[in-house]
Amino acid sequence: MDEIVTAAIRGLSQGSVYALLGLGFVIVYTGTGVVSFAQPVLMILGAYLASAIAVDAGLPFVVAVPLAILGSALIGAVIERVAMRPMVGEPVFAATMVTVGIFIGSTAASVG
């Protein structure tokens, strides 16, 4: 019985993460008309920041989460101003390629 409850909780948790990611895609696409391939990287960034703040800084998790949200929002705002704002008025394909570049650049930076 314990395994069923554990599996249900894990499934609901993972499903919630997928739902949030999907909702992020819908919100970005509805607002801009661009499919943002950088969305998963920014989501992982928030989780990484929360973990790093909680573990490395030794702060409680309830303090680390708002700080991670603030940090992710600041990084997202910088990306919007530096990379996405200049793409206003450009073809949608060009803006989508910028999001792919952000994804690849973030992934390459995290690997090495």
PDB file of N, CA and C in Angstrom:
ATOM      1  N   MET A   1       0.814  -1.196   0.000  1.00  0.00           N
ATOM      2  CA  MET A   1       0.000   0.000   0.000  1.00  0.00           C
ATOM      3  C   MET A   1       0.861   1.265   0.000  1.00  0.00           C
ATOM      4  N   ASP A   2       1.977   1.211   0.733  1.00  0.00           N
ATOM      5  CA  ASP A   2       2.870   2.361   0.777  1.00  0.00           C
ATOM      6  C   ASP A   2       3.448   2.680  -0.594  1.00  0.00           C
ATOM      7  N   GLU A   3       3.720   1.636  -1.380  1.00  0.00           N
ATOM      8  CA  GLU A   3       4.278   1.844  -2.713  1.00  0.00           C
ATOM      9  C   GLU A   3       3.275   2.543  -3.623  1.00  0.00           C
ATOM     10  N   ILE A   4       2.011   2.222  -3.476  1.00  0.00           N
ATOM     11  CA  ILE A   4       0.985   2.858  -4.304  1.00  0.00           C
ATOM     12  C   ILE A   4       0.879   4.339  -3.966  1.00  0.00           C
ATOM     13  N   VAL A   5       0.899   4.656  -2.682  1.00  0.00           N
ATOM     14  CA  VAL A   5       0.820   6.060  -2.269  1.00  0.00           C
ATOM     15  C   VAL A   5       2.052   6.823  -2.750  1.00  0.00           C
ATOM     16  N   THR A   6       3.229   6.217  -2.601  1.00  0.00           N
ATOM     17  CA  THR A   6       4.465   6.852  -3.054  1.00  0.00           C
ATOM     18  C   THR A   6       4.440   7.080  -4.558  1.00  0.00           C
ATOM     19  N   ALA A   7       4.012   6.067  -5.304  1.00  0.00           N
ATOM     20  CA  ALA A   7       3.933   6.202  -6.758  1.00  0.00           C
ATOM     21  C   ALA A   7       2.928   7.273  -7.159  1.00  0.00           C
ATOM     22  N   ALA A   8       1.804   7.360  -6.453  1.00  0.00           N
ATOM     23  CA  ALA A   8       0.801   8.374  -6.765  1.00  0.00           C
ATOM     24  C   ALA A   8       1.340   9.779  -6.500  1.00  0.00           C
ATOM     25  N   ILE A   9       2.040   9.945  -5.384  1.00  0.00           N
ATOM     26  CA  ILE A   9       2.601  11.259  -5.059  1.00  0.00           C
ATOM     27  C   ILE A   9       3.668  11.651  -6.076  1.00  0.00           C
ATOM     28  N   ARG A  10       4.532  10.712  -6.427  1.00  0.00           N
ATOM     29  CA  ARG A  10       5.560  11.004  -7.435  1.00  0.00           C
ATOM     30  C   ARG A  10       4.925  11.339  -8.781  1.00  0.00           C
ATOM     31  N   GLY A  11       3.903  10.590  -9.157  1.00  0.00           N
ATOM     32  CA  GLY A  11       3.230  10.848 -10.430  1.00  0.00           C
ATOM     33  C   GLY A  11       2.558  12.210 -10.453  1.00  0.00           C
ATOM     34  N   LEU A  12       1.895  12.577  -9.358  1.00  0.00           N
ATOM     35  CA  LEU A  12       1.261  13.899  -9.284  1.00  0.00           C
ATOM     36  C   LEU A  12       2.302  15.012  -9.303  1.00  0.00           C
ATOM     37  N   SER A  13       3.415  14.786  -8.638  1.00  0.00           N
ATOM     38  CA  SER A  13       4.484  15.795  -8.636  1.00  0.00           C
ATOM     39  C   SER A  13       5.049  15.996 -10.032  1.00  0.00           C
ATOM     40  N   GLN A  14       5.372  14.902 -10.690  1.00  0.00           N
ATOM     41  CA  GLN A  14       5.936  15.007 -12.035  1.00  0.00           C
ATOM     42  C   GLN A  14       4.911  15.574 -13.012  1.00  0.00           C
ATOM     43  N   GLY A  15       3.671  15.178 -12.886  1.00  0.00           N
ATOM     44  CA  GLY A  15       2.620  15.719 -13.742  1.00  0.00           C
ATOM     45  C   GLY A  15       2.430  17.214 -13.536  1.00  0.00           C
ATOM     46  N   SER A  16       2.577  17.662 -12.285  1.00  0.00           N
ATOM     47  CA  SER A  16       2.466  19.096 -11.993  1.00  0.00           C
ATOM     48  C   SER A  16       3.585  19.881 -12.662  1.00  0.00           C
ATOM     49  N   VAL A  17       4.798  19.323 -12.657  1.00  0.00           N
ATOM     50  CA  VAL A  17       5.926  19.988 -13.317  1.00  0.00           C
ATOM     51  C   VAL A  17       5.665  20.081 -14.821  1.00  0.00           C
ATOM     52  N   TYR A  18       5.183  18.994 -15.417  1.00  0.00           N
ATOM     53  CA  TYR A  18       4.865  19.019 -16.850  1.00  0.00           C
ATOM     54  C   TYR A  18       3.761  20.029 -17.149  1.00  0.00           C
ATOM     55  N   ALA A  19       2.766  20.109 -16.272  1.00  0.00           N
ATOM     56  CA  ALA A  19       1.671  21.063 -16.478  1.00  0.00           C
ATOM     57  C   ALA A  19       2.186  22.495 -16.417  1.00  0.00           C
ATOM     58  N   LEU A  20       3.066  22.791 -15.464  1.00  0.00           N
ATOM     59  CA  LEU A  20       3.638  24.136 -15.372  1.00  0.00           C
ATOM     60  C   LEU A  20       4.468  24.477 -16.601  1.00  0.00           C
ATOM     61  N   LEU A  21       5.240  23.515 -17.081  1.00  0.00           N
ATOM     62  CA  LEU A  21       6.038  23.742 -18.284  1.00  0.00           C
ATOM     63  C   LEU A  21       5.138  23.993 -19.488  1.00  0.00           C
ATOM     64  N   GLY A  22       4.104  23.197 -19.633  1.00  0.00           N
ATOM     65  CA  GLY A  22       3.158  23.385 -20.735  1.00  0.00           C
ATOM     66  C   GLY A  22       2.438  24.717 -20.637  1.00  0.00           C
ATOM     67  N   LEU A  23       2.062  25.103 -19.429  1.00  0.00           N
ATOM     68  CA  LEU A  23       1.403  26.384 -19.229  1.00  0.00           C
ATOM     69  C   LEU A  23       2.337  27.536 -19.592  1.00  0.00           C
ATOM     70  N   GLY A  24       3.620  27.381 -19.266  1.00  0.00           N
ATOM     71  CA  GLY A  24       4.602  28.399 -19.652  1.00  0.00           C
ATOM     72  C   GLY A  24       4.700  28.539 -21.159  1.00  0.00           C
ATOM     73  N   PHE A  25       4.721  27.404 -21.871  1.00  0.00           N
ATOM     74  CA  PHE A  25       4.755  27.452 -23.334  1.00  0.00           C
ATOM     75  C   PHE A  25       3.527  28.186 -23.876  1.00  0.00           C
ATOM     76  N   VAL A  26       2.359  27.873 -23.334  1.00  0.00           N
ATOM     77  CA  VAL A  26       1.120  28.485 -23.826  1.00  0.00           C
ATOM     78  C   VAL A  26       1.114  29.986 -23.558  1.00  0.00           C
ATOM     79  N   ILE A  27       1.536  30.383 -22.366  1.00  0.00           N
ATOM     80  CA  ILE A  27       1.530  31.808 -22.029  1.00  0.00           C
ATOM     81  C   ILE A  27       2.489  32.585 -22.924  1.00  0.00           C
ATOM     82  N   VAL A  28       3.690  32.055 -23.119  1.00  0.00           N
ATOM     83  CA  VAL A  28       4.671  32.745 -23.965  1.00  0.00           C
ATOM     84  C   VAL A  28       4.173  32.799 -25.407  1.00  0.00           C
ATOM     85  N   TYR A  29       3.645  31.693 -25.919  1.00  0.00           N
ATOM     86  CA  TYR A  29       3.175  31.670 -27.303  1.00  0.00           C
ATOM     87  C   TYR A  29       1.978  32.605 -27.500  1.00  0.00           C
ATOM     88  N   THR A  30       1.050  32.604 -26.540  1.00  0.00           N
ATOM     89  CA  THR A  30      -0.125  33.464 -26.659  1.00  0.00           C
ATOM     90  C   THR A  30       0.272  34.938 -26.620  1.00  0.00           C
ATOM     91  N   GLY A  31       1.235  35.266 -25.776  1.00  0.00           N
ATOM     92  CA  GLY A  31       1.639  36.664 -25.634  1.00  0.00           C
ATOM     93  C   GLY A  31       2.512  37.172 -26.761  1.00  0.00           C
ATOM     94  N   THR A  32       3.334  36.290 -27.338  1.00  0.00           N
ATOM     95  CA  THR A  32       4.313  36.752 -28.327  1.00  0.00           C
ATOM     96  C   THR A  32       4.140  36.150 -29.711  1.00  0.00           C
ATOM     97  N   GLY A  33       3.493  35.004 -29.809  1.00  0.00           N
ATOM     98  CA  GLY A  33       3.388  34.318 -31.093  1.00  0.00           C
ATOM     99  C   GLY A  33       4.646  33.547 -31.442  1.00  0.00           C
ATOM    100  N   VAL A  34       5.567  33.427 -30.482  1.00  0.00           N
ATOM    101  CA  VAL A  34       6.837  32.735 -30.689  1.00  0.00           C
ATOM    102  C   VAL A  34       6.884  31.525 -29.768  1.00  0.00           C
ATOM    103  N   VAL A  35       7.287  30.380 -30.305  1.00  0.00           N
ATOM    104  CA  VAL A  35       7.508  29.205 -29.475  1.00  0.00           C
ATOM    105  C   VAL A  35       8.877  29.369 -28.842  1.00  0.00           C
ATOM    106  N   SER A  36       8.918  29.449 -27.518  1.00  0.00           N
ATOM    107  CA  SER A  36      10.175  29.696 -26.812  1.00  0.00           C
ATOM    108  C   SER A  36      10.807  28.381 -26.390  1.00  0.00           C
ATOM    109  N   PHE A  37      11.883  28.024 -27.067  1.00  0.00           N
ATOM    110  CA  PHE A  37      12.603  26.810 -26.703  1.00  0.00           C
ATOM    111  C   PHE A  37      13.497  27.032 -25.488  1.00  0.00           C
ATOM    112  N   ALA A  38      13.605  28.269 -25.015  1.00  0.00           N
ATOM    113  CA  ALA A  38      14.388  28.574 -23.823  1.00  0.00           C
ATOM    114  C   ALA A  38      13.585  28.334 -22.546  1.00  0.00           C
ATOM    115  N   GLN A  39      12.303  28.073 -22.667  1.00  0.00           N
ATOM    116  CA  GLN A  39      11.436  27.900 -21.504  1.00  0.00           C
ATOM    117  C   GLN A  39      11.911  26.788 -20.562  1.00  0.00           C
ATOM    118  N   PRO A  40      12.260  25.599 -21.045  1.00  0.00           N
ATOM    119  CA  PRO A  40      12.712  24.559 -20.115  1.00  0.00           C
ATOM    120  C   PRO A  40      14.006  24.939 -19.391  1.00  0.00           C
ATOM    121  N   VAL A  41      14.885  25.643 -20.057  1.00  0.00           N
ATOM    122  CA  VAL A  41      16.148  26.046 -19.424  1.00  0.00           C
ATOM    123  C   VAL A  41      15.879  27.021 -18.292  1.00  0.00           C
ATOM    124  N   LEU A  42      14.964  27.946 -18.506  1.00  0.00           N
ATOM    125  CA  LEU A  42      14.648  28.911 -17.457  1.00  0.00           C
ATOM    126  C   LEU A  42      13.935  28.231 -16.285  1.00  0.00           C
ATOM    127  N   MET A  43      13.158  27.210 -16.561  1.00  0.00           N
ATOM    128  CA  MET A  43      12.500  26.459 -15.494  1.00  0.00           C
ATOM    129  C   MET A  43      13.531  25.704 -14.663  1.00  0.00           C
ATOM    130  N   ILE A  44      14.478  25.075 -15.326  1.00  0.00           N
ATOM    131  CA  ILE A  44      15.535  24.343 -14.629  1.00  0.00           C
ATOM    132  C   ILE A  44      16.407  25.317 -13.848  1.00  0.00           C
ATOM    133  N   LEU A  45      16.620  26.520 -14.389  1.00  0.00           N
ATOM    134  CA  LEU A  45      17.406  27.529 -13.691  1.00  0.00           C
ATOM    135  C   LEU A  45      16.787  27.867 -12.339  1.00  0.00           C
ATOM    136  N   GLY A  46      15.478  28.017 -12.295  1.00  0.00           N
ATOM    137  CA  GLY A  46      14.810  28.304 -11.028  1.00  0.00           C
ATOM    138  C   GLY A  46      15.001  27.198 -10.013  1.00  0.00           C
ATOM    139  N   ALA A  47      14.881  25.952 -10.471  1.00  0.00           N
ATOM    140  CA  ALA A  47      15.092  24.822  -9.564  1.00  0.00           C
ATOM    141  C   ALA A  47      16.539  24.771  -9.087  1.00  0.00           C
ATOM    142  N   TYR A  48      17.468  25.037  -9.986  1.00  0.00           N
ATOM    143  CA  TYR A  48      18.885  25.032  -9.614  1.00  0.00           C
ATOM    144  C   TYR A  48      19.188  26.136  -8.607  1.00  0.00           C
ATOM    145  N   LEU A  49      18.656  27.318  -8.834  1.00  0.00           N
ATOM    146  CA  LEU A  49      18.890  28.420  -7.906  1.00  0.00           C
ATOM    147  C   LEU A  49      18.330  28.108  -6.524  1.00  0.00           C
ATOM    148  N   ALA A  50      17.133  27.541  -6.468  1.00  0.00           N
ATOM    149  CA  ALA A  50      16.550  27.185  -5.172  1.00  0.00           C
ATOM    150  C   ALA A  50      17.415  26.169  -4.450  1.00  0.00           C
ATOM    151  N   SER A  51      17.880  25.178  -5.178  1.00  0.00           N
ATOM    152  CA  SER A  51      18.737  24.158  -4.569  1.00  0.00           C
ATOM    153  C   SER A  51      20.068  24.749  -4.123  1.00  0.00           C
ATOM    154  N   ALA A  52      20.669  25.565  -4.960  1.00  0.00           N
ATOM    155  CA  ALA A  52      21.963  26.154  -4.622  1.00  0.00           C
ATOM    156  C   ALA A  52      21.855  27.084  -3.418  1.00  0.00           C
ATOM    157  N   ILE A  53      20.803  27.870  -3.370  1.00  0.00           N
ATOM    158  CA  ILE A  53      20.631  28.786  -2.245  1.00  0.00           C
ATOM    159  C   ILE A  53      20.385  28.004  -0.960  1.00  0.00           C
ATOM    160  N   ALA A  54      19.558  26.963  -1.046  1.00  0.00           N
ATOM    161  CA  ALA A  54      19.243  26.189   0.155  1.00  0.00           C
ATOM    162  C   ALA A  54      20.436  25.383   0.645  1.00  0.00           C
ATOM    163  N   VAL A  55      21.159  24.746  -0.271  1.00  0.00           N
ATOM    164  CA  VAL A  55      22.252  23.859   0.129  1.00  0.00           C
ATOM    165  C   VAL A  55      23.538  24.637   0.363  1.00  0.00           C
ATOM    166  N   ASP A  56      23.963  25.426  -0.607  1.00  0.00           N
ATOM    167  CA  ASP A  56      25.250  26.112  -0.505  1.00  0.00           C
ATOM    168  C   ASP A  56      25.235  27.247   0.521  1.00  0.00           C
ATOM    169  N   ALA A  57      24.159  28.024   0.523  1.00  0.00           N
ATOM    170  CA  ALA A  57      24.079  29.141   1.465  1.00  0.00           C
ATOM    171  C   ALA A  57      23.555  28.694   2.826  1.00  0.00           C
ATOM    172  N   GLY A  58      22.968  27.510   2.868  1.00  0.00           N
ATOM    173  CA  GLY A  58      22.464  26.976   4.127  1.00  0.00           C
ATOM    174  C   GLY A  58      21.189  27.642   4.616  1.00  0.00           C
ATOM    175  N   LEU A  59      20.470  28.298   3.709  1.00  0.00           N
ATOM    176  CA  LEU A  59      19.215  28.935   4.090  1.00  0.00           C
ATOM    177  C   LEU A  59      18.082  27.926   4.083  1.00  0.00           C
ATOM    178  N   PRO A  60      17.041  28.151   4.870  1.00  0.00           N
ATOM    179  CA  PRO A  60      15.878  27.256   4.829  1.00  0.00           C
ATOM    180  C   PRO A  60      15.216  27.289   3.448  1.00  0.00           C
ATOM    181  N   PHE A  61      14.576  26.192   3.099  1.00  0.00           N
ATOM    182  CA  PHE A  61      13.972  26.069   1.776  1.00  0.00           C
ATOM    183  C   PHE A  61      12.895  27.126   1.550  1.00  0.00           C
ATOM    184  N   VAL A  62      12.143  27.465   2.594  1.00  0.00           N
ATOM    185  CA  VAL A  62      11.075  28.467   2.442  1.00  0.00           C
ATOM    186  C   VAL A  62      11.638  29.859   2.174  1.00  0.00           C
ATOM    187  N   VAL A  63      12.888  30.103   2.500  1.00  0.00           N
ATOM    188  CA  VAL A  63      13.551  31.365   2.173  1.00  0.00           C
ATOM    189  C   VAL A  63      14.200  31.267   0.792  1.00  0.00           C
ATOM    190  N   ALA A  64      14.726  30.082   0.472  1.00  0.00           N
ATOM    191  CA  ALA A  64      15.432  29.888  -0.798  1.00  0.00           C
ATOM    192  C   ALA A  64      14.485  30.001  -1.995  1.00  0.00           C
ATOM    193  N   VAL A  65      13.265  29.529  -1.874  1.00  0.00           N
ATOM    194  CA  VAL A  65      12.337  29.539  -3.013  1.00  0.00           C
ATOM    195  C   VAL A  65      12.002  30.960  -3.467  1.00  0.00           C
ATOM    196  N   PRO A  66      11.610  31.883  -2.566  1.00  0.00           N
ATOM    197  CA  PRO A  66      11.364  33.256  -3.044  1.00  0.00           C
ATOM    198  C   PRO A  66      12.613  33.921  -3.626  1.00  0.00           C
ATOM    199  N   LEU A  67      13.772  33.643  -3.049  1.00  0.00           N
ATOM    200  CA  LEU A  67      15.007  34.200  -3.607  1.00  0.00           C
ATOM    201  C   LEU A  67      15.282  33.632  -4.998  1.00  0.00           C
ATOM    202  N   ALA A  68      15.013  32.344  -5.193  1.00  0.00           N
ATOM    203  CA  ALA A  68      15.204  31.726  -6.508  1.00  0.00           C
ATOM    204  C   ALA A  68      14.216  32.310  -7.524  1.00  0.00           C
ATOM    205  N   ILE A  69      12.992  32.557  -7.090  1.00  0.00           N
ATOM    206  CA  ILE A  69      12.003  33.174  -7.982  1.00  0.00           C
ATOM    207  C   ILE A  69      12.472  34.560  -8.398  1.00  0.00           C
ATOM    208  N   LEU A  70      12.974  35.322  -7.441  1.00  0.00           N
ATOM    209  CA  LEU A  70      13.476  36.656  -7.742  1.00  0.00           C
ATOM    210  C   LEU A  70      14.670  36.595  -8.694  1.00  0.00           C
ATOM    211  N   GLY A  71      15.603  35.674  -8.439  1.00  0.00           N
ATOM    212  CA  GLY A  71      16.767  35.528  -9.314  1.00  0.00           C
ATOM    213  C   GLY A  71      16.384  35.104 -10.716  1.00  0.00           C
ATOM    214  N   SER A  72      15.462  34.154 -10.823  1.00  0.00           N
ATOM    215  CA  SER A  72      15.005  33.699 -12.140  1.00  0.00           C
ATOM    216  C   SER A  72      14.296  34.820 -12.890  1.00  0.00           C
ATOM    217  N   ALA A  73      13.505  35.595 -12.175  1.00  0.00           N
ATOM    218  CA  ALA A  73      12.799  36.709 -12.809  1.00  0.00           C
ATOM    219  C   ALA A  73      13.791  37.748 -13.325  1.00  0.00           C
ATOM    220  N   LEU A  74      14.825  38.026 -12.550  1.00  0.00           N
ATOM    221  CA  LEU A  74      15.828  38.992 -13.000  1.00  0.00           C
ATOM    222  C   LEU A  74      16.575  38.497 -14.243  1.00  0.00           C
ATOM    223  N   ILE A  75      16.958  37.230 -14.239  1.00  0.00           N
ATOM    224  CA  ILE A  75      17.648  36.666 -15.403  1.00  0.00           C
ATOM    225  C   ILE A  75      16.717  36.644 -16.614  1.00  0.00           C
ATOM    226  N   GLY A  76      15.460  36.287 -16.403  1.00  0.00           N
ATOM    227  CA  GLY A  76      14.490  36.308 -17.490  1.00  0.00           C
ATOM    228  C   GLY A  76      14.289  37.707 -18.057  1.00  0.00           C
ATOM    229  N   ALA A  77      14.271  38.716 -17.185  1.00  0.00           N
ATOM    230  CA  ALA A  77      14.114  40.099 -17.644  1.00  0.00           C
ATOM    231  C   ALA A  77      15.326  40.552 -18.455  1.00  0.00           C
ATOM    232  N   VAL A  78      16.510  40.139 -18.025  1.00  0.00           N
ATOM    233  CA  VAL A  78      17.725  40.487 -18.780  1.00  0.00           C
ATOM    234  C   VAL A  78      17.694  39.821 -20.152  1.00  0.00           C
ATOM    235  N   ILE A  79      17.305  38.554 -20.208  1.00  0.00           N
ATOM    236  CA  ILE A  79      17.221  37.850 -21.491  1.00  0.00           C
ATOM    237  C   ILE A  79      16.196  38.528 -22.401  1.00  0.00           C
ATOM    238  N   GLU A  80      15.074  38.942 -21.817  1.00  0.00           N
ATOM    239  CA  GLU A  80      14.045  39.606 -22.625  1.00  0.00           C
ATOM    240  C   GLU A  80      14.560  40.911 -23.197  1.00  0.00           C
ATOM    241  N   ARG A  81      15.244  41.703 -22.384  1.00  0.00           N
ATOM    242  CA  ARG A  81      15.732  43.000 -22.845  1.00  0.00           C
ATOM    243  C   ARG A  81      16.884  42.876 -23.839  1.00  0.00           C
ATOM    244  N   VAL A  82      17.792  41.946 -23.582  1.00  0.00           N
ATOM    245  CA  VAL A  82      19.003  41.844 -24.408  1.00  0.00           C
ATOM    246  C   VAL A  82      18.768  41.035 -25.677  1.00  0.00           C
ATOM    247  N   ALA A  83      18.041  39.926 -25.572  1.00  0.00           N
ATOM    248  CA  ALA A  83      17.923  39.013 -26.715  1.00  0.00           C
ATOM    249  C   ALA A  83      16.576  39.098 -27.434  1.00  0.00           C
ATOM    250  N   MET A  84      15.488  39.222 -26.676  1.00  0.00           N
ATOM    251  CA  MET A  84      14.177  39.125 -27.316  1.00  0.00           C
ATOM    252  C   MET A  84      13.608  40.478 -27.751  1.00  0.00           C
ATOM    253  N   ARG A  85      13.849  41.520 -27.002  1.00  0.00           N
ATOM    254  CA  ARG A  85      13.300  42.833 -27.362  1.00  0.00           C
ATOM    255  C   ARG A  85      13.765  43.302 -28.731  1.00  0.00           C
ATOM    256  N   PRO A  86      15.050  43.096 -29.097  1.00  0.00           N
ATOM    257  CA  PRO A  86      15.474  43.509 -30.447  1.00  0.00           C
ATOM    258  C   PRO A  86      14.792  42.719 -31.575  1.00  0.00           C
ATOM    259  N   MET A  87      14.136  41.613 -31.252  1.00  0.00           N
ATOM    260  CA  MET A  87      13.500  40.789 -32.277  1.00  0.00           C
ATOM    261  C   MET A  87      12.083  41.248 -32.606  1.00  0.00           C
ATOM    262  N   VAL A  88      11.593  42.275 -31.919  1.00  0.00           N
ATOM    263  CA  VAL A  88      10.253  42.794 -32.204  1.00  0.00           C
ATOM    264  C   VAL A  88      10.230  43.323 -33.636  1.00  0.00           C
ATOM    265  N   GLY A  89       9.253  42.875 -34.407  1.00  0.00           N
ATOM    266  CA  GLY A  89       9.123  43.293 -35.798  1.00  0.00           C
ATOM    267  C   GLY A  89       9.865  42.406 -36.780  1.00  0.00           C
ATOM    268  N   GLU A  90      10.690  41.515 -36.276  1.00  0.00           N
ATOM    269  CA  GLU A  90      11.411  40.566 -37.130  1.00  0.00           C
ATOM    270  C   GLU A  90      10.509  39.357 -37.401  1.00  0.00           C
ATOM    271  N   PRO A  91      10.854  38.539 -38.390  1.00  0.00           N
ATOM    272  CA  PRO A  91      10.052  37.336 -38.641  1.00  0.00           C
ATOM    273  C   PRO A  91      10.024  36.411 -37.418  1.00  0.00           C
ATOM    274  N   VAL A  92       8.921  35.704 -37.264  1.00  0.00           N
ATOM    275  CA  VAL A  92       8.752  34.797 -36.127  1.00  0.00           C
ATOM    276  C   VAL A  92       9.848  33.746 -36.106  1.00  0.00           C
ATOM    277  N   PHE A  93      10.252  33.276 -37.286  1.00  0.00           N
ATOM    278  CA  PHE A  93      11.303  32.261 -37.351  1.00  0.00           C
ATOM    279  C   PHE A  93      12.595  32.771 -36.725  1.00  0.00           C
ATOM    280  N   ALA A  94      12.942  34.028 -36.957  1.00  0.00           N
ATOM    281  CA  ALA A  94      14.165  34.601 -36.395  1.00  0.00           C
ATOM    282  C   ALA A  94      14.090  34.654 -34.872  1.00  0.00           C
ATOM    283  N   ALA A  95      12.949  35.065 -34.343  1.00  0.00           N
ATOM    284  CA  ALA A  95      12.776  35.115 -32.890  1.00  0.00           C
ATOM    285  C   ALA A  95      12.833  33.719 -32.286  1.00  0.00           C
ATOM    286  N   THR A  96      12.268  32.746 -32.987  1.00  0.00           N
ATOM    287  CA  THR A  96      12.318  31.370 -32.495  1.00  0.00           C
ATOM    288  C   THR A  96      13.747  30.860 -32.481  1.00  0.00           C
ATOM    289  N   MET A  97      14.527  31.220 -33.485  1.00  0.00           N
ATOM    290  CA  MET A  97      15.933  30.796 -33.517  1.00  0.00           C
ATOM    291  C   MET A  97      16.737  31.438 -32.377  1.00  0.00           C
ATOM    292  N   VAL A  98      16.367  32.643 -31.978  1.00  0.00           N
ATOM    293  CA  VAL A  98      17.031  33.269 -30.834  1.00  0.00           C
ATOM    294  C   VAL A  98      16.769  32.451 -29.577  1.00  0.00           C
ATOM    295  N   THR A  99      15.536  31.963 -29.404  1.00  0.00           N
ATOM    296  CA  THR A  99      15.242  31.133 -28.229  1.00  0.00           C
ATOM    297  C   THR A  99      16.010  29.818 -28.277  1.00  0.00           C
ATOM    298  N   VAL A 100      16.205  29.269 -29.471  1.00  0.00           N
ATOM    299  CA  VAL A 100      17.023  28.057 -29.597  1.00  0.00           C
ATOM    300  C   VAL A 100      18.468  28.370 -29.202  1.00  0.00           C
ATOM    301  N   GLY A 101      18.969  29.521 -29.612  1.00  0.00           N
ATOM    302  CA  GLY A 101      20.318  29.931 -29.238  1.00  0.00           C
ATOM    303  C   GLY A 101      20.463  30.110 -27.737  1.00  0.00           C
ATOM    304  N   ILE A 102      19.456  30.676 -27.084  1.00  0.00           N
ATOM    305  CA  ILE A 102      19.489  30.813 -25.631  1.00  0.00           C
ATOM    306  C   ILE A 102      19.525  29.439 -24.983  1.00  0.00           C
ATOM    307  N   PHE A 103      18.723  28.513 -25.511  1.00  0.00           N
ATOM    308  CA  PHE A 103      18.703  27.150 -24.978  1.00  0.00           C
ATOM    309  C   PHE A 103      20.069  26.488 -25.120  1.00  0.00           C
ATOM    310  N   ILE A 104      20.652  26.574 -26.309  1.00  0.00           N
ATOM    311  CA  ILE A 104      21.949  25.927 -26.549  1.00  0.00           C
ATOM    312  C   ILE A 104      23.040  26.602 -25.723  1.00  0.00           C
ATOM    313  N   GLY A 105      23.030  27.925 -25.671  1.00  0.00           N
ATOM    314  CA  GLY A 105      24.036  28.639 -24.884  1.00  0.00           C
ATOM    315  C   GLY A 105      23.951  28.324 -23.404  1.00  0.00           C
ATOM    316  N   SER A 106      22.735  28.234 -22.880  1.00  0.00           N
ATOM    317  CA  SER A 106      22.561  27.906 -21.461  1.00  0.00           C
ATOM    318  C   SER A 106      22.984  26.482 -21.174  1.00  0.00           C
ATOM    319  N   THR A 107      22.668  25.570 -22.081  1.00  0.00           N
ATOM    320  CA  THR A 107      23.039  24.172 -21.897  1.00  0.00           C
ATOM    321  C   THR A 107      24.564  24.015 -21.973  1.00  0.00           C
ATOM    322  N   ALA A 108      25.190  24.691 -22.924  1.00  0.00           N
ATOM    323  CA  ALA A 108      26.642  24.589 -23.048  1.00  0.00           C
ATOM    324  C   ALA A 108      27.338  25.201 -21.843  1.00  0.00           C
ATOM    325  N   ALA A 109      26.781  26.292 -21.305  1.00  0.00           N
ATOM    326  CA  ALA A 109      27.394  26.938 -20.145  1.00  0.00           C
ATOM    327  C   ALA A 109      27.286  26.062 -18.910  1.00  0.00           C
ATOM    328  N   SER A 110      26.206  25.288 -18.792  1.00  0.00           N
ATOM    329  CA  SER A 110      26.025  24.450 -17.602  1.00  0.00           C
ATOM    330  C   SER A 110      26.874  23.189 -17.671  1.00  0.00           C
ATOM    331  N   VAL A 111      27.246  22.758 -18.873  1.00  0.00           N
ATOM    332  CA  VAL A 111      28.049  21.539 -19.016  1.00  0.00           C
ATOM    333  C   VAL A 111      29.508  21.815 -18.710  1.00  0.00           C
ATOM    334  N   GLY A 112      30.013  22.901 -19.171  1.00  0.00           N
ATOM    335  CA  GLY A 112      31.439  23.104 -18.960  1.00  0.00           C
ATOM    336  C   GLY A 112      31.776  24.483 -19.016  1.00  0.00           C
TER     337      GLY A 112
END
